[in-house]
Amino acid sequence: MRFSPRTRLTSRSRGDHLSGRGGNSTEFSDYRDYSPGDDMRFIDWNIFSRLQKPYLKLFHLEEEMNLVIIIDASASMNFGGKYELATKLASAFATIGLYSNEKVSIYTLDDEKASIPQHIGPASGRFNSSKFNRFIGDTNCGGAQTLETGVEKILKKHSGRGMAIILSDFLTAGDLQKSFNLLFSKGLAPYALQILSPEELNPEISGDARFVDCETQVTLDISAAGQLTEIYLEYLHSLQQNVNDWARNRSGLYASCSSDCDLDALLFDTLVRRGWIK
């Protein structure tokens, strides 16, 4: 399996992805007239023998693509199995990237006081798979880092163009749209995978209830939950539509899933059909 980016956002380093610029890969691009000083090794002698005129073969340039995996490790992810699924997906994505010889990095957004989020990479090559999996297994969930602040800190450390996969519930304070703008301005197409628990997708609340924000500890007492449930679902749909638009308008994609979904079906069916991987 390989990632299937919508646009060619690659770094100048040599890699396996075709660039829009000419180069010296084995992937043929076009012909042009021979000019004095051109490398004669690239003359197509078969055409010359027929037309008695030299033409030069042009080839695509193959460049390196960075794969940045961002795991939301805030306290809201530590509910309903969301963080567990996020770490499994991060491991799967890292494995796909490493086996495809992409330059892979993983960042976890947990401690809001850290100057640079906990991370591993950039690295490439399948021999790094076990190291990346150990890193993912040692991560913890429960901080109060906002996605906006976390992305700003990541971009102080990271360099290189490619894809940024965000694994989050996107239930965070701060300016979400700014996070997508920052990534895209640095040459990283944002691919947003929203993970929500079954209770968040279809809440069942009756009577009076007290909500406690797991990150800020702010409480909210409510009644007449039936009407509020409808308002909540409208807000959730609006949030999903916004995240989808922010990603697609910046050369990325959006997908959502329940934390109790089947991982194989998500990877080998849903994300393949939606163009994330092939």
C-alpha atoms as a PDB file:
ATOM      1  CA  MET A   1       0.000   0.000   0.000  1.00  0.00           C
ATOM      2  CA  ARG A   2       1.073   3.593  -0.671  1.00  0.00           C
ATOM      3  CA  PHE A   3      -0.307   7.020   0.079  1.00  0.00           C
ATOM      4  CA  SER A   4      -2.012   8.782  -2.803  1.00  0.00           C
ATOM      5  CA  PRO A   5      -1.558  12.563  -2.347  1.00  0.00           C
ATOM      6  CA  ARG A   6      -3.866  14.821  -4.349  1.00  0.00           C
ATOM      7  CA  THR A   7      -1.044  17.194  -5.285  1.00  0.00           C
ATOM      8  CA  ARG A   8       2.717  16.829  -5.703  1.00  0.00           C
ATOM      9  CA  LEU A   9       4.020  18.407  -2.507  1.00  0.00           C
ATOM     10  CA  THR A  10       7.565  17.042  -2.390  1.00  0.00           C
ATOM     11  CA  SER A  11      10.932  18.162  -1.048  1.00  0.00           C
ATOM     12  CA  ARG A  12      13.990  18.699  -3.215  1.00  0.00           C
ATOM     13  CA  SER A  13      15.736  15.600  -1.826  1.00  0.00           C
ATOM     14  CA  ARG A  14      15.844  12.504  -4.028  1.00  0.00           C
ATOM     15  CA  GLY A  15      12.892  10.186  -3.489  1.00  0.00           C
ATOM     16  CA  ASP A  16      10.220   8.066  -5.152  1.00  0.00           C
ATOM     17  CA  HIS A  17       7.553  10.641  -6.078  1.00  0.00           C
ATOM     18  CA  LEU A  18       7.333  12.271  -9.488  1.00  0.00           C
ATOM     19  CA  SER A  19       7.887  16.008  -9.403  1.00  0.00           C
ATOM     20  CA  GLY A  20       6.487  18.541 -11.807  1.00  0.00           C
ATOM     21  CA  ARG A  21      10.040  19.458 -12.780  1.00  0.00           C
ATOM     22  CA  GLY A  22      12.290  17.631 -15.203  1.00  0.00           C
ATOM     23  CA  GLY A  23      14.993  15.316 -13.937  1.00  0.00           C
ATOM     24  CA  ASN A  24      16.898  12.119 -14.537  1.00  0.00           C
ATOM     25  CA  SER A  25      14.630   9.373 -13.253  1.00  0.00           C
ATOM     26  CA  THR A  26      13.616   6.330 -15.298  1.00  0.00           C
ATOM     27  CA  GLU A  27      10.110   7.774 -15.798  1.00  0.00           C
ATOM     28  CA  PHE A  28       9.864   9.166 -19.350  1.00  0.00           C
ATOM     29  CA  SER A  29       8.291  12.613 -19.693  1.00  0.00           C
ATOM     30  CA  ASP A  30       8.634  14.124 -23.202  1.00  0.00           C
ATOM     31  CA  TYR A  31      10.937  14.979 -26.116  1.00  0.00           C
ATOM     32  CA  ARG A  32      12.546  18.259 -27.155  1.00  0.00           C
ATOM     33  CA  ASP A  33      14.924  19.399 -29.874  1.00  0.00           C
ATOM     34  CA  TYR A  34      18.590  18.791 -29.252  1.00  0.00           C
ATOM     35  CA  SER A  35      20.649  21.920 -28.455  1.00  0.00           C
ATOM     36  CA  PRO A  36      24.449  22.147 -28.525  1.00  0.00           C
ATOM     37  CA  GLY A  37      25.831  21.258 -25.117  1.00  0.00           C
ATOM     38  CA  ASP A  38      23.042  18.776 -24.204  1.00  0.00           C
ATOM     39  CA  ASP A  39      24.091  15.385 -22.891  1.00  0.00           C
ATOM     40  CA  MET A  40      24.254  13.109 -25.936  1.00  0.00           C
ATOM     41  CA  ARG A  41      23.408  10.076 -23.796  1.00  0.00           C
ATOM     42  CA  PHE A  42      19.777  11.195 -23.821  1.00  0.00           C
ATOM     43  CA  ILE A  43      19.426  11.469 -27.599  1.00  0.00           C
ATOM     44  CA  ASP A  44      16.854   9.027 -28.981  1.00  0.00           C
ATOM     45  CA  TRP A  45      18.900   7.346 -31.711  1.00  0.00           C
ATOM     46  CA  ASN A  46      15.923   5.416 -33.068  1.00  0.00           C
ATOM     47  CA  ILE A  47      14.168   8.687 -33.949  1.00  0.00           C
ATOM     48  CA  PHE A  48      17.422  10.089 -35.309  1.00  0.00           C
ATOM     49  CA  SER A  49      17.817   7.116 -37.667  1.00  0.00           C
ATOM     50  CA  ARG A  50      14.312   7.703 -39.077  1.00  0.00           C
ATOM     51  CA  LEU A  51      14.174  11.505 -39.215  1.00  0.00           C
ATOM     52  CA  GLN A  52      17.878  12.398 -39.391  1.00  0.00           C
ATOM     53  CA  LYS A  53      17.255  14.966 -36.672  1.00  0.00           C
ATOM     54  CA  PRO A  54      18.350  14.621 -33.016  1.00  0.00           C
ATOM     55  CA  TYR A  55      15.696  14.728 -30.294  1.00  0.00           C
ATOM     56  CA  LEU A  56      16.437  14.629 -26.576  1.00  0.00           C
ATOM     57  CA  LYS A  57      14.495  12.389 -24.192  1.00  0.00           C
ATOM     58  CA  LEU A  58      13.211  14.121 -21.063  1.00  0.00           C
ATOM     59  CA  PHE A  59      12.486  12.400 -17.758  1.00  0.00           C
ATOM     60  CA  HIS A  60      10.545  13.245 -14.615  1.00  0.00           C
ATOM     61  CA  LEU A  61      12.354  14.207 -11.445  1.00  0.00           C
ATOM     62  CA  GLU A  62      11.657  11.890  -8.485  1.00  0.00           C
ATOM     63  CA  GLU A  63      11.619  13.676  -5.150  1.00  0.00           C
ATOM     64  CA  GLU A  64      11.067  12.855  -1.504  1.00  0.00           C
ATOM     65  CA  MET A  65       7.702  13.184   0.254  1.00  0.00           C
ATOM     66  CA  ASN A  66       7.454  13.865   3.984  1.00  0.00           C
ATOM     67  CA  LEU A  67       4.723  12.144   5.980  1.00  0.00           C
ATOM     68  CA  VAL A  68       3.932  13.909   9.261  1.00  0.00           C
ATOM     69  CA  ILE A  69       1.541  12.067  11.599  1.00  0.00           C
ATOM     70  CA  ILE A  70       0.010  14.241  14.328  1.00  0.00           C
ATOM     71  CA  ILE A  71      -1.720  12.418  17.196  1.00  0.00           C
ATOM     72  CA  ASP A  72      -4.061  14.457  19.365  1.00  0.00           C
ATOM     73  CA  ALA A  73      -3.249  13.249  22.890  1.00  0.00           C
ATOM     74  CA  SER A  74      -5.426  15.749  24.750  1.00  0.00           C
ATOM     75  CA  ALA A  75      -7.719  14.580  27.539  1.00  0.00           C
ATOM     76  CA  SER A  76     -10.796  14.530  25.296  1.00  0.00           C
ATOM     77  CA  MET A  77      -9.201  11.715  23.271  1.00  0.00           C
ATOM     78  CA  ASN A  78      -8.947   9.579  26.416  1.00  0.00           C
ATOM     79  CA  PHE A  79     -12.620   8.648  26.139  1.00  0.00           C
ATOM     80  CA  GLY A  80     -14.512   5.916  24.367  1.00  0.00           C
ATOM     81  CA  GLY A  81     -11.416   4.235  22.899  1.00  0.00           C
ATOM     82  CA  LYS A  82     -10.536   7.195  20.645  1.00  0.00           C
ATOM     83  CA  TYR A  83      -6.867   7.384  21.584  1.00  0.00           C
ATOM     84  CA  GLU A  84      -6.435   3.632  21.269  1.00  0.00           C
ATOM     85  CA  LEU A  85      -7.719   3.727  17.693  1.00  0.00           C
ATOM     86  CA  ALA A  86      -5.585   6.813  16.946  1.00  0.00           C
ATOM     87  CA  THR A  87      -2.408   4.988  18.002  1.00  0.00           C
ATOM     88  CA  LYS A  88      -3.317   1.929  15.916  1.00  0.00           C
ATOM     89  CA  LEU A  89      -3.907   4.142  12.880  1.00  0.00           C
ATOM     90  CA  ALA A  90      -0.649   6.017  13.516  1.00  0.00           C
ATOM     91  CA  SER A  91       1.207   2.699  13.575  1.00  0.00           C
ATOM     92  CA  ALA A  92      -0.461   1.584  10.333  1.00  0.00           C
ATOM     93  CA  PHE A  93       0.219   4.891   8.562  1.00  0.00           C
ATOM     94  CA  ALA A  94       3.832   4.953   9.744  1.00  0.00           C
ATOM     95  CA  THR A  95       4.339   1.405   8.476  1.00  0.00           C
ATOM     96  CA  ILE A  96       2.874   2.275   5.060  1.00  0.00           C
ATOM     97  CA  GLY A  97       5.101   5.346   4.867  1.00  0.00           C
ATOM     98  CA  LEU A  98       8.276   3.601   6.002  1.00  0.00           C
ATOM     99  CA  TYR A  99       7.784   0.654   3.648  1.00  0.00           C
ATOM    100  CA  SER A 100       7.165   3.130   0.798  1.00  0.00           C
ATOM    101  CA  ASN A 101      10.422   4.907   1.636  1.00  0.00           C
ATOM    102  CA  GLU A 102       8.678   8.127   2.700  1.00  0.00           C
ATOM    103  CA  LYS A 103      10.305  10.373   5.295  1.00  0.00           C
ATOM    104  CA  VAL A 104       8.060   9.744   8.329  1.00  0.00           C
ATOM    105  CA  SER A 105       7.662  11.765  11.537  1.00  0.00           C
ATOM    106  CA  ILE A 106       5.189  11.310  14.403  1.00  0.00           C
ATOM    107  CA  TYR A 107       4.225  14.014  16.903  1.00  0.00           C
ATOM    108  CA  THR A 108       1.944  13.619  19.943  1.00  0.00           C
ATOM    109  CA  LEU A 109       0.135  16.674  21.268  1.00  0.00           C
ATOM    110  CA  ASP A 110      -0.193  16.163  25.017  1.00  0.00           C
ATOM    111  CA  ASP A 111       1.897  18.419  27.283  1.00  0.00           C
ATOM    112  CA  GLU A 112       0.975  22.020  26.580  1.00  0.00           C
ATOM    113  CA  LYS A 113       4.070  23.223  28.462  1.00  0.00           C
ATOM    114  CA  ALA A 114       6.571  21.423  26.207  1.00  0.00           C
ATOM    115  CA  SER A 115       8.349  23.700  23.719  1.00  0.00           C
ATOM    116  CA  ILE A 116       8.372  20.907  21.112  1.00  0.00           C
ATOM    117  CA  PRO A 117       5.798  18.065  21.195  1.00  0.00           C
ATOM    118  CA  GLN A 118       7.080  14.557  21.880  1.00  0.00           C
ATOM    119  CA  HIS A 119       8.136  13.123  18.532  1.00  0.00           C
ATOM    120  CA  ILE A 120      10.149  10.607  16.553  1.00  0.00           C
ATOM    121  CA  GLY A 121      11.732  11.000  13.133  1.00  0.00           C
ATOM    122  CA  PRO A 122      12.056  12.038  10.441  1.00  0.00           C
ATOM    123  CA  ALA A 123      13.228   8.641   9.236  1.00  0.00           C
ATOM    124  CA  SER A 124      12.614   6.319   6.306  1.00  0.00           C
ATOM    125  CA  GLY A 125      13.023   2.623   5.580  1.00  0.00           C
ATOM    126  CA  ARG A 126      11.186  -0.445   6.831  1.00  0.00           C
ATOM    127  CA  PHE A 127      13.922  -1.225   9.367  1.00  0.00           C
ATOM    128  CA  ASN A 128      12.608   1.710  11.463  1.00  0.00           C
ATOM    129  CA  SER A 129       9.136   0.152  11.926  1.00  0.00           C
ATOM    130  CA  SER A 130       9.828  -1.412  15.316  1.00  0.00           C
ATOM    131  CA  LYS A 131      11.333   1.842  16.645  1.00  0.00           C
ATOM    132  CA  PHE A 132       8.255   3.814  15.581  1.00  0.00           C
ATOM    133  CA  ASN A 133       5.909   1.238  17.098  1.00  0.00           C
ATOM    134  CA  ARG A 134       7.792   1.365  20.414  1.00  0.00           C
ATOM    135  CA  PHE A 135       7.482   5.148  20.418  1.00  0.00           C
ATOM    136  CA  ILE A 136       3.728   4.955  19.805  1.00  0.00           C
ATOM    137  CA  GLY A 137       3.330   2.344  22.546  1.00  0.00           C
ATOM    138  CA  ASP A 138       5.105   4.585  25.076  1.00  0.00           C
ATOM    139  CA  THR A 139       2.908   7.650  24.459  1.00  0.00           C
ATOM    140  CA  ASN A 140       0.293   8.795  26.937  1.00  0.00           C
ATOM    141  CA  CYS A 141      -2.983  10.648  26.626  1.00  0.00           C
ATOM    142  CA  GLY A 142      -4.361  13.279  28.959  1.00  0.00           C
ATOM    143  CA  GLY A 143      -2.878  16.720  28.272  1.00  0.00           C
ATOM    144  CA  ALA A 144      -4.599  19.971  27.417  1.00  0.00           C
ATOM    145  CA  GLN A 145      -2.665  20.913  24.287  1.00  0.00           C
ATOM    146  CA  THR A 146      -4.800  22.631  21.666  1.00  0.00           C
ATOM    147  CA  LEU A 147      -4.350  21.608  18.052  1.00  0.00           C
ATOM    148  CA  GLU A 148      -3.564  25.166  16.972  1.00  0.00           C
ATOM    149  CA  THR A 149      -0.736  25.613  19.498  1.00  0.00           C
ATOM    150  CA  GLY A 150       0.580  22.105  18.890  1.00  0.00           C
ATOM    151  CA  VAL A 151       0.836  22.629  15.137  1.00  0.00           C
ATOM    152  CA  GLU A 152       2.687  25.915  15.664  1.00  0.00           C
ATOM    153  CA  LYS A 153       5.247  24.095  17.825  1.00  0.00           C
ATOM    154  CA  ILE A 154       5.598  21.231  15.336  1.00  0.00           C
ATOM    155  CA  LEU A 155       6.379  23.595  12.475  1.00  0.00           C
ATOM    156  CA  LYS A 156       9.223  25.140  14.487  1.00  0.00           C
ATOM    157  CA  LYS A 157      10.884  21.715  14.367  1.00  0.00           C
ATOM    158  CA  HIS A 158       9.752  20.218  11.066  1.00  0.00           C
ATOM    159  CA  SER A 159      10.971  21.039   7.580  1.00  0.00           C
ATOM    160  CA  GLY A 160      10.000  19.419   4.292  1.00  0.00           C
ATOM    161  CA  ARG A 161       6.921  19.216   2.065  1.00  0.00           C
ATOM    162  CA  GLY A 162       4.375  16.423   1.820  1.00  0.00           C
ATOM    163  CA  MET A 163       1.347  15.191   3.809  1.00  0.00           C
ATOM    164  CA  ALA A 164       0.271  15.869   7.396  1.00  0.00           C
ATOM    165  CA  ILE A 165      -2.212  13.346   8.801  1.00  0.00           C
ATOM    166  CA  ILE A 166      -4.090  14.656  11.835  1.00  0.00           C
ATOM    167  CA  LEU A 167      -5.678  12.017  14.090  1.00  0.00           C
ATOM    168  CA  SER A 168      -8.053  13.889  16.379  1.00  0.00           C
ATOM    169  CA  ASP A 169     -11.630  14.322  17.520  1.00  0.00           C
ATOM    170  CA  PHE A 170     -11.261  18.042  16.648  1.00  0.00           C
ATOM    171  CA  LEU A 171     -13.159  18.862  19.841  1.00  0.00           C
ATOM    172  CA  THR A 172     -10.664  21.464  20.919  1.00  0.00           C
ATOM    173  CA  ALA A 173     -10.407  25.098  21.852  1.00  0.00           C
ATOM    174  CA  GLY A 174      -8.510  27.534  19.660  1.00  0.00           C
ATOM    175  CA  ASP A 175      -8.680  28.306  15.954  1.00  0.00           C
ATOM    176  CA  LEU A 176      -8.926  25.010  14.063  1.00  0.00           C
ATOM    177  CA  GLN A 177      -8.823  26.687  10.668  1.00  0.00           C
ATOM    178  CA  LYS A 178      -5.520  28.342  11.577  1.00  0.00           C
ATOM    179  CA  SER A 179      -4.003  24.881  12.124  1.00  0.00           C
ATOM    180  CA  PHE A 180      -4.837  23.897   8.550  1.00  0.00           C
ATOM    181  CA  ASN A 181      -3.535  27.221   7.229  1.00  0.00           C
ATOM    182  CA  LEU A 182      -0.215  26.808   9.053  1.00  0.00           C
ATOM    183  CA  LEU A 183       0.339  23.293   7.729  1.00  0.00           C
ATOM    184  CA  PHE A 184      -0.483  24.212   4.149  1.00  0.00           C
ATOM    185  CA  SER A 185       1.683  27.344   4.234  1.00  0.00           C
ATOM    186  CA  LYS A 186       4.633  25.099   5.128  1.00  0.00           C
ATOM    187  CA  GLY A 187       3.994  22.767   2.194  1.00  0.00           C
ATOM    188  CA  LEU A 188       2.083  20.076   4.113  1.00  0.00           C
ATOM    189  CA  ALA A 189      -1.324  19.047   2.732  1.00  0.00           C
ATOM    190  CA  PRO A 190      -3.614  18.440   5.748  1.00  0.00           C
ATOM    191  CA  TYR A 191      -5.374  15.059   5.835  1.00  0.00           C
ATOM    192  CA  ALA A 192      -7.871  15.092   8.710  1.00  0.00           C
ATOM    193  CA  LEU A 193      -9.169  11.851  10.230  1.00  0.00           C
ATOM    194  CA  GLN A 194     -11.783  12.597  12.870  1.00  0.00           C
ATOM    195  CA  ILE A 195     -12.282   9.900  15.511  1.00  0.00           C
ATOM    196  CA  LEU A 196     -15.423  10.117  17.646  1.00  0.00           C
ATOM    197  CA  SER A 197     -16.863   7.712  20.182  1.00  0.00           C
ATOM    198  CA  PRO A 198     -20.291   6.114  19.623  1.00  0.00           C
ATOM    199  CA  GLU A 199     -21.626   8.253  22.500  1.00  0.00           C
ATOM    200  CA  GLU A 200     -20.433  11.415  20.753  1.00  0.00           C
ATOM    201  CA  LEU A 201     -21.927  10.389  17.435  1.00  0.00           C
ATOM    202  CA  ASN A 202     -25.317   9.395  18.876  1.00  0.00           C
ATOM    203  CA  PRO A 203     -25.733  10.711  22.428  1.00  0.00           C
ATOM    204  CA  GLU A 204     -28.544   9.304  24.528  1.00  0.00           C
ATOM    205  CA  ILE A 205     -29.334  11.679  27.391  1.00  0.00           C
ATOM    206  CA  SER A 206     -32.570  12.030  29.311  1.00  0.00           C
ATOM    207  CA  GLY A 207     -33.570  14.262  32.186  1.00  0.00           C
ATOM    208  CA  ASP A 208     -31.131  16.519  34.005  1.00  0.00           C
ATOM    209  CA  ALA A 209     -27.403  16.054  33.512  1.00  0.00           C
ATOM    210  CA  ARG A 210     -24.088  17.645  34.469  1.00  0.00           C
ATOM    211  CA  PHE A 211     -21.270  17.822  31.933  1.00  0.00           C
ATOM    212  CA  VAL A 212     -17.661  18.226  33.062  1.00  0.00           C
ATOM    213  CA  ASP A 213     -15.034  19.366  30.537  1.00  0.00           C
ATOM    214  CA  CYS A 214     -12.230  16.839  30.936  1.00  0.00           C
ATOM    215  CA  GLU A 215      -9.569  19.400  29.943  1.00  0.00           C
ATOM    216  CA  THR A 216     -10.717  22.574  31.717  1.00  0.00           C
ATOM    217  CA  GLN A 217     -12.921  20.975  34.442  1.00  0.00           C
ATOM    218  CA  VAL A 218     -15.654  23.517  33.666  1.00  0.00           C
ATOM    219  CA  THR A 219     -19.115  22.151  34.535  1.00  0.00           C
ATOM    220  CA  LEU A 220     -22.433  22.672  32.786  1.00  0.00           C
ATOM    221  CA  ASP A 221     -25.822  21.660  34.211  1.00  0.00           C
ATOM    222  CA  ILE A 222     -28.584  21.061  31.664  1.00  0.00           C
ATOM    223  CA  SER A 223     -32.192  19.953  31.485  1.00  0.00           C
ATOM    224  CA  ALA A 224     -34.551  19.192  28.586  1.00  0.00           C
ATOM    225  CA  ALA A 225     -31.753  17.164  27.020  1.00  0.00           C
ATOM    226  CA  GLY A 226     -33.850  16.133  24.026  1.00  0.00           C
ATOM    227  CA  GLN A 227     -33.824  19.595  22.497  1.00  0.00           C
ATOM    228  CA  LEU A 228     -30.137  20.108  23.334  1.00  0.00           C
ATOM    229  CA  THR A 229     -29.278  16.836  21.627  1.00  0.00           C
ATOM    230  CA  GLU A 230     -30.668  18.179  18.368  1.00  0.00           C
ATOM    231  CA  ILE A 231     -28.617  21.376  18.769  1.00  0.00           C
ATOM    232  CA  TYR A 232     -25.520  19.299  19.510  1.00  0.00           C
ATOM    233  CA  LEU A 233     -25.987  17.149  16.400  1.00  0.00           C
ATOM    234  CA  GLU A 234     -26.395  20.274  14.266  1.00  0.00           C
ATOM    235  CA  TYR A 235     -23.154  21.646  15.707  1.00  0.00           C
ATOM    236  CA  LEU A 236     -21.351  18.339  15.115  1.00  0.00           C
ATOM    237  CA  HIS A 237     -22.482  18.230  11.485  1.00  0.00           C
ATOM    238  CA  SER A 238     -21.314  21.837  11.024  1.00  0.00           C
ATOM    239  CA  LEU A 239     -17.924  21.004  12.562  1.00  0.00           C
ATOM    240  CA  GLN A 240     -17.476  17.981  10.293  1.00  0.00           C
ATOM    241  CA  GLN A 241     -18.375  20.031   7.214  1.00  0.00           C
ATOM    242  CA  ASN A 242     -15.946  22.771   8.193  1.00  0.00           C
ATOM    243  CA  VAL A 243     -13.060  20.358   8.783  1.00  0.00           C
ATOM    244  CA  ASN A 244     -13.825  18.690   5.445  1.00  0.00           C
ATOM    245  CA  ASP A 245     -13.776  22.050   3.632  1.00  0.00           C
ATOM    246  CA  TRP A 246     -10.592  23.240   5.371  1.00  0.00           C
ATOM    247  CA  ALA A 247      -8.766  20.056   4.400  1.00  0.00           C
ATOM    248  CA  ARG A 248      -9.980  19.818   0.794  1.00  0.00           C
ATOM    249  CA  ASN A 249      -9.365  23.500   0.067  1.00  0.00           C
ATOM    250  CA  ARG A 250      -5.727  22.967   1.083  1.00  0.00           C
ATOM    251  CA  SER A 251      -5.006  19.919  -1.107  1.00  0.00           C
ATOM    252  CA  GLY A 252      -5.934  17.436   1.627  1.00  0.00           C
ATOM    253  CA  LEU A 253      -8.828  15.135   2.443  1.00  0.00           C
ATOM    254  CA  TYR A 254     -11.191  14.455   5.342  1.00  0.00           C
ATOM    255  CA  ALA A 255     -12.640  11.258   6.781  1.00  0.00           C
ATOM    256  CA  SER A 256     -14.448  10.402  10.002  1.00  0.00           C
ATOM    257  CA  CYS A 257     -14.951   7.166  11.885  1.00  0.00           C
ATOM    258  CA  SER A 258     -16.286   5.773  15.113  1.00  0.00           C
ATOM    259  CA  SER A 259     -13.780   4.617  17.726  1.00  0.00           C
ATOM    260  CA  ASP A 260     -15.371   1.147  17.675  1.00  0.00           C
ATOM    261  CA  CYS A 261     -15.025   0.710  13.901  1.00  0.00           C
ATOM    262  CA  ASP A 262     -13.222  -2.239  12.337  1.00  0.00           C
ATOM    263  CA  LEU A 263      -9.619  -1.184  11.683  1.00  0.00           C
ATOM    264  CA  ASP A 264      -9.167  -3.439   8.647  1.00  0.00           C
ATOM    265  CA  ALA A 265     -12.343  -2.141   7.017  1.00  0.00           C
ATOM    266  CA  LEU A 266     -11.248   1.450   7.662  1.00  0.00           C
ATOM    267  CA  LEU A 267      -7.783   0.948   6.161  1.00  0.00           C
ATOM    268  CA  PHE A 268      -8.471  -1.433   3.301  1.00  0.00           C
ATOM    269  CA  ASP A 269     -11.903  -0.206   2.260  1.00  0.00           C
ATOM    270  CA  THR A 270     -12.945   3.251   3.481  1.00  0.00           C
ATOM    271  CA  LEU A 271      -9.636   5.093   3.101  1.00  0.00           C
ATOM    272  CA  VAL A 272      -8.874   3.357  -0.195  1.00  0.00           C
ATOM    273  CA  ARG A 273     -12.247   4.360  -1.658  1.00  0.00           C
ATOM    274  CA  ARG A 274     -11.795   7.922  -0.442  1.00  0.00           C
ATOM    275  CA  GLY A 275      -8.416   8.251  -2.101  1.00  0.00           C
ATOM    276  CA  TRP A 276      -6.125   8.364   0.920  1.00  0.00           C
ATOM    277  CA  ILE A 277      -4.147   5.245   0.046  1.00  0.00           C
ATOM    278  CA  LYS A 278      -3.917   2.833  -2.844  1.00  0.00           C
END
